[in-house]
Each structure stands twice: as structure tokens, then as C-alpha cells.
Amino acid sequence: MKNFLMRDEAFICENCHKEVKALNYTARDHCPFCLYSKHVDINPGDRANTCHGLLKPIGIEKFKDTYKIIYKCEKCNKLHKNITAKDDNMDLIIELSTNN
């Protein structure tokens, strides 16, 4: 992807407060426990967005041979999408899929 900066960082989730470890195969961009993310990027990995609102998962869409989580920023209301990770909470993904 053009303008993609690889950032696979551990963090503490600002929604559920759990410790999230690095993914170790691609960039970690959301919490695998509650699926929340943070509105920090303009282009993937650049950390150039000043919004910093929490991205609430609101749905799922099929993407190639996997899925993307659809988010809505709780601060600026912008929609955003992130690809799912292998360790994501599958029960929450299934629950989100019923929202579509």
C-alpha cells in the first residue's frame, strides 16, 4: 500500500485497558480484545492525525479472503476501516457481522 509505514507496537487499549502485544506479522492497529482502535493516522502508520478519538467498531465487511472492521470515530465521526487480525475476538466479529 502506498504511504504505508510499518508500526507493530504494543499498547494499552484506551477502551478496555488491556495490554495489547505487538502482532509480529503485520502492523497492530486495533485491540484484539474489544476491537477498538484510535484515530491517529492519516496514512497507515504515519501517526499524523491530530484527532486521537477512539474508533468504535460498528460493523464488518468482506475483504478478499478476510474481513475489515468498520469503525466510527467517537470524536469526529469519520468512518475508517482496518483489516482483522488472527488473534481478534471472533465472538465480537460475529456480533458485528449481524449489524450489517
N, C-alpha and C. Protein backbone atom coordinates (compact mmCIF):
# COMPACT_ATOMS: atom_id res chain seq x y z
N MET A 1 0.84 -1.19 0.00
CA MET A 1 0.00 0.00 0.00
C MET A 1 0.88 1.25 0.00
N LYS A 2 0.55 2.21 -0.82
CA LYS A 2 1.29 3.46 -0.91
C LYS A 2 1.22 4.21 0.43
N ASN A 3 2.33 4.79 0.85
CA ASN A 3 2.43 5.58 2.08
C ASN A 3 2.21 4.76 3.35
N PHE A 4 2.42 3.45 3.30
CA PHE A 4 2.25 2.60 4.48
C PHE A 4 3.54 2.58 5.27
N LEU A 5 3.46 2.96 6.55
CA LEU A 5 4.59 2.86 7.46
C LEU A 5 4.32 1.72 8.43
N MET A 6 5.20 0.74 8.47
CA MET A 6 5.01 -0.42 9.33
C MET A 6 5.20 -0.02 10.80
N ARG A 7 4.13 -0.12 11.58
CA ARG A 7 4.18 0.16 13.02
C ARG A 7 3.46 -0.97 13.74
N ASP A 8 4.24 -1.89 14.27
CA ASP A 8 3.69 -3.01 15.02
C ASP A 8 4.08 -2.81 16.48
N GLU A 9 3.29 -2.02 17.19
CA GLU A 9 3.65 -1.60 18.54
C GLU A 9 2.68 -2.17 19.57
N ALA A 10 3.22 -2.49 20.73
CA ALA A 10 2.38 -2.86 21.87
C ALA A 10 1.77 -1.58 22.45
N PHE A 11 0.60 -1.70 23.09
CA PHE A 11 -0.04 -0.54 23.69
C PHE A 11 -1.06 -0.99 24.73
N ILE A 12 -1.54 -0.06 25.54
CA ILE A 12 -2.64 -0.30 26.45
C ILE A 12 -3.90 0.26 25.78
N CYS A 13 -4.92 -0.57 25.63
CA CYS A 13 -6.15 -0.14 24.98
C CYS A 13 -6.84 0.92 25.83
N GLU A 14 -7.20 2.02 25.21
CA GLU A 14 -7.87 3.11 25.92
C GLU A 14 -9.35 2.81 26.17
N ASN A 15 -9.89 1.77 25.54
CA ASN A 15 -11.28 1.40 25.77
C ASN A 15 -11.39 0.35 26.89
N CYS A 16 -10.73 -0.79 26.74
CA CYS A 16 -10.86 -1.88 27.73
C CYS A 16 -9.69 -1.94 28.70
N HIS A 17 -8.66 -1.16 28.47
CA HIS A 17 -7.49 -1.03 29.35
C HIS A 17 -6.63 -2.29 29.44
N LYS A 18 -6.77 -3.19 28.48
CA LYS A 18 -5.94 -4.40 28.46
C LYS A 18 -4.63 -4.11 27.73
N GLU A 19 -3.60 -4.87 28.10
CA GLU A 19 -2.30 -4.77 27.43
C GLU A 19 -2.38 -5.52 26.11
N VAL A 20 -2.03 -4.83 25.03
CA VAL A 20 -2.07 -5.40 23.68
C VAL A 20 -0.63 -5.55 23.20
N LYS A 21 -0.26 -6.76 22.86
CA LYS A 21 1.10 -7.04 22.40
C LYS A 21 1.21 -6.79 20.90
N ALA A 22 2.45 -6.61 20.44
CA ALA A 22 2.70 -6.46 19.01
C ALA A 22 2.20 -7.70 18.29
N LEU A 23 1.81 -7.55 17.03
CA LEU A 23 1.23 -8.64 16.26
C LEU A 23 2.29 -9.59 15.70
N ASN A 24 3.45 -9.05 15.35
CA ASN A 24 4.61 -9.81 14.86
C ASN A 24 4.46 -10.40 13.46
N TYR A 25 3.45 -10.00 12.70
CA TYR A 25 3.41 -10.40 11.29
C TYR A 25 2.94 -9.27 10.39
N THR A 26 2.31 -8.26 10.96
CA THR A 26 1.93 -7.04 10.24
C THR A 26 1.69 -5.96 11.30
N ALA A 27 1.26 -4.79 10.88
CA ALA A 27 1.06 -3.69 11.82
C ALA A 27 -0.14 -3.94 12.73
N ARG A 28 0.06 -3.76 14.03
CA ARG A 28 -1.04 -3.86 15.00
C ARG A 28 -1.76 -2.52 14.97
N ASP A 29 -3.06 -2.51 14.64
CA ASP A 29 -3.79 -1.25 14.54
C ASP A 29 -5.07 -1.20 15.35
N HIS A 30 -5.35 -2.24 16.14
CA HIS A 30 -6.54 -2.22 16.99
C HIS A 30 -6.40 -3.26 18.10
N CYS A 31 -7.24 -3.15 19.09
CA CYS A 31 -7.23 -4.07 20.22
C CYS A 31 -7.90 -5.39 19.84
N PRO A 32 -7.25 -6.53 20.05
CA PRO A 32 -7.87 -7.81 19.70
C PRO A 32 -8.96 -8.23 20.68
N PHE A 33 -9.01 -7.61 21.85
CA PHE A 33 -9.99 -7.97 22.89
C PHE A 33 -11.35 -7.30 22.66
N CYS A 34 -11.34 -5.97 22.46
CA CYS A 34 -12.60 -5.23 22.29
C CYS A 34 -12.76 -4.67 20.88
N LEU A 35 -11.72 -4.80 20.05
CA LEU A 35 -11.67 -4.38 18.64
C LEU A 35 -11.61 -2.86 18.44
N TYR A 36 -11.55 -2.08 19.50
CA TYR A 36 -11.43 -0.62 19.36
C TYR A 36 -10.05 -0.26 18.79
N SER A 37 -9.99 0.88 18.14
CA SER A 37 -8.75 1.42 17.61
C SER A 37 -8.67 2.89 18.03
N LYS A 38 -7.66 3.58 17.56
CA LYS A 38 -7.51 5.00 17.88
C LYS A 38 -7.24 5.77 16.60
N HIS A 39 -7.87 6.91 16.45
CA HIS A 39 -7.78 7.74 15.25
C HIS A 39 -6.48 8.54 15.28
N VAL A 40 -5.38 7.89 14.89
CA VAL A 40 -4.06 8.53 14.97
C VAL A 40 -3.38 8.71 13.61
N ASP A 41 -3.85 8.00 12.58
CA ASP A 41 -3.18 8.03 11.28
C ASP A 41 -3.99 8.76 10.22
N ILE A 42 -3.28 9.41 9.31
CA ILE A 42 -3.87 9.90 8.07
C ILE A 42 -3.61 8.83 7.01
N ASN A 43 -2.34 8.46 6.84
CA ASN A 43 -1.96 7.30 6.05
C ASN A 43 -1.47 6.24 7.03
N PRO A 44 -1.69 4.94 6.73
CA PRO A 44 -1.37 3.89 7.70
C PRO A 44 0.04 4.02 8.30
N GLY A 45 0.08 4.13 9.62
CA GLY A 45 1.34 4.17 10.35
C GLY A 45 1.99 5.52 10.50
N ASP A 46 1.43 6.59 9.92
CA ASP A 46 2.13 7.89 9.96
C ASP A 46 1.95 8.66 11.27
N ARG A 47 0.95 8.32 12.07
CA ARG A 47 0.65 8.97 13.36
C ARG A 47 0.50 10.50 13.20
N ALA A 48 0.01 10.94 12.04
CA ALA A 48 -0.09 12.36 11.72
C ALA A 48 -1.47 12.96 11.99
N ASN A 49 -2.45 12.14 12.37
CA ASN A 49 -3.79 12.67 12.63
C ASN A 49 -3.84 13.25 14.04
N THR A 50 -4.39 14.43 14.17
CA THR A 50 -4.47 15.09 15.48
C THR A 50 -5.77 14.81 16.23
N CYS A 51 -6.68 14.06 15.65
CA CYS A 51 -7.97 13.77 16.27
C CYS A 51 -7.80 12.98 17.57
N HIS A 52 -7.17 11.83 17.49
CA HIS A 52 -6.91 10.94 18.62
C HIS A 52 -8.17 10.43 19.32
N GLY A 53 -9.31 10.48 18.64
CA GLY A 53 -10.53 9.91 19.20
C GLY A 53 -10.49 8.40 19.14
N LEU A 54 -11.34 7.76 19.94
CA LEU A 54 -11.45 6.31 19.87
C LEU A 54 -12.30 5.92 18.67
N LEU A 55 -11.85 4.89 17.96
CA LEU A 55 -12.57 4.36 16.82
C LEU A 55 -13.39 3.17 17.30
N LYS A 56 -14.71 3.34 17.33
CA LYS A 56 -15.62 2.31 17.80
C LYS A 56 -15.96 1.36 16.66
N PRO A 57 -15.81 0.04 16.87
CA PRO A 57 -16.20 -0.90 15.83
C PRO A 57 -17.71 -0.93 15.67
N ILE A 58 -18.18 -0.74 14.42
CA ILE A 58 -19.64 -0.69 14.18
C ILE A 58 -20.12 -1.71 13.16
N GLY A 59 -19.18 -2.41 12.49
CA GLY A 59 -19.58 -3.38 11.50
C GLY A 59 -18.40 -4.14 10.93
N ILE A 60 -18.69 -5.08 10.05
CA ILE A 60 -17.69 -5.91 9.39
C ILE A 60 -18.04 -5.97 7.91
N GLU A 61 -17.01 -5.99 7.06
CA GLU A 61 -17.24 -6.22 5.64
C GLU A 61 -16.22 -7.22 5.11
N LYS A 62 -16.62 -8.01 4.14
CA LYS A 62 -15.74 -8.98 3.49
C LYS A 62 -14.68 -8.23 2.70
N PHE A 63 -13.43 -8.68 2.78
CA PHE A 63 -12.33 -8.07 2.04
C PHE A 63 -11.38 -9.17 1.58
N LYS A 64 -11.35 -9.45 0.29
CA LYS A 64 -10.55 -10.53 -0.30
C LYS A 64 -10.83 -11.83 0.44
N ASP A 65 -9.81 -12.43 1.08
CA ASP A 65 -10.02 -13.69 1.79
C ASP A 65 -10.13 -13.50 3.31
N THR A 66 -10.42 -12.27 3.73
CA THR A 66 -10.56 -11.96 5.15
C THR A 66 -11.67 -10.92 5.34
N TYR A 67 -11.58 -10.16 6.41
CA TYR A 67 -12.60 -9.15 6.70
C TYR A 67 -11.96 -7.85 7.15
N LYS A 68 -12.72 -6.78 7.05
CA LYS A 68 -12.32 -5.48 7.59
C LYS A 68 -13.33 -5.06 8.65
N ILE A 69 -12.82 -4.47 9.71
CA ILE A 69 -13.67 -3.90 10.75
C ILE A 69 -14.00 -2.47 10.33
N ILE A 70 -15.26 -2.11 10.39
CA ILE A 70 -15.69 -0.75 10.07
C ILE A 70 -15.80 0.02 11.39
N TYR A 71 -15.17 1.17 11.43
CA TYR A 71 -15.12 1.99 12.64
C TYR A 71 -15.80 3.34 12.42
N LYS A 72 -16.28 3.92 13.51
CA LYS A 72 -16.73 5.31 13.51
C LYS A 72 -16.02 6.00 14.66
N CYS A 73 -15.36 7.11 14.36
CA CYS A 73 -14.64 7.85 15.38
C CYS A 73 -15.63 8.50 16.34
N GLU A 74 -15.43 8.28 17.63
CA GLU A 74 -16.32 8.84 18.64
C GLU A 74 -16.11 10.34 18.83
N LYS A 75 -15.04 10.89 18.28
CA LYS A 75 -14.74 12.32 18.42
C LYS A 75 -15.16 13.12 17.18
N CYS A 76 -14.74 12.66 15.98
CA CYS A 76 -15.01 13.44 14.77
C CYS A 76 -16.02 12.78 13.83
N ASN A 77 -16.48 11.58 14.17
CA ASN A 77 -17.49 10.82 13.41
C ASN A 77 -17.02 10.28 12.06
N LYS A 78 -15.74 10.39 11.75
CA LYS A 78 -15.23 9.85 10.48
C LYS A 78 -15.28 8.33 10.50
N LEU A 79 -15.64 7.74 9.35
CA LEU A 79 -15.61 6.28 9.20
C LEU A 79 -14.21 5.86 8.77
N HIS A 80 -13.80 4.69 9.24
CA HIS A 80 -12.47 4.16 8.98
C HIS A 80 -12.57 2.64 8.92
N LYS A 81 -11.65 1.98 8.24
CA LYS A 81 -11.66 0.51 8.14
C LYS A 81 -10.26 -0.03 8.42
N ASN A 82 -10.21 -1.15 9.12
CA ASN A 82 -8.96 -1.86 9.39
C ASN A 82 -9.18 -3.34 9.14
N ILE A 83 -8.18 -4.00 8.60
CA ILE A 83 -8.26 -5.43 8.37
C ILE A 83 -8.20 -6.18 9.71
N THR A 84 -8.90 -7.30 9.80
CA THR A 84 -8.89 -8.07 11.03
C THR A 84 -7.53 -8.74 11.23
N ALA A 85 -7.25 -9.11 12.48
CA ALA A 85 -6.01 -9.80 12.82
C ALA A 85 -6.34 -11.22 13.27
N LYS A 86 -5.35 -12.11 13.21
CA LYS A 86 -5.55 -13.52 13.55
C LYS A 86 -6.02 -13.73 14.99
N ASP A 87 -5.63 -12.83 15.88
CA ASP A 87 -5.96 -13.02 17.30
C ASP A 87 -7.17 -12.20 17.76
N ASP A 88 -7.92 -11.63 16.83
CA ASP A 88 -9.10 -10.84 17.19
C ASP A 88 -10.18 -11.70 17.86
N ASN A 89 -10.95 -11.08 18.73
CA ASN A 89 -12.06 -11.73 19.42
C ASN A 89 -13.13 -12.09 18.39
N MET A 90 -13.19 -13.38 18.03
CA MET A 90 -14.10 -13.82 16.97
C MET A 90 -15.56 -13.67 17.37
N ASP A 91 -15.88 -13.79 18.66
CA ASP A 91 -17.26 -13.58 19.10
C ASP A 91 -17.72 -12.16 18.79
N LEU A 92 -16.84 -11.17 19.02
CA LEU A 92 -17.20 -9.78 18.71
C LEU A 92 -17.31 -9.56 17.20
N ILE A 93 -16.45 -10.20 16.43
CA ILE A 93 -16.52 -10.07 14.97
C ILE A 93 -17.85 -10.63 14.46
N ILE A 94 -18.25 -11.78 14.97
CA ILE A 94 -19.54 -12.36 14.59
C ILE A 94 -20.69 -11.44 15.00
N GLU A 95 -20.61 -10.90 16.20
CA GLU A 95 -21.65 -9.97 16.66
C GLU A 95 -21.74 -8.75 15.76
N LEU A 96 -20.57 -8.20 15.37
CA LEU A 96 -20.55 -7.04 14.47
C LEU A 96 -21.13 -7.39 13.10
N SER A 97 -20.92 -8.61 12.66
CA SER A 97 -21.41 -9.00 11.34
C SER A 97 -22.94 -9.00 11.27
N THR A 98 -23.60 -9.11 12.39
CA THR A 98 -25.05 -9.07 12.41
C THR A 98 -25.58 -7.64 12.37
N ASN A 99 -24.66 -6.65 12.52
CA ASN A 99 -25.05 -5.23 12.45
C ASN A 99 -25.19 -4.74 11.02
N ASN A 100 -24.69 -5.51 10.06
CA ASN A 100 -24.70 -5.05 8.66
C ASN A 100 -26.02 -5.35 7.99
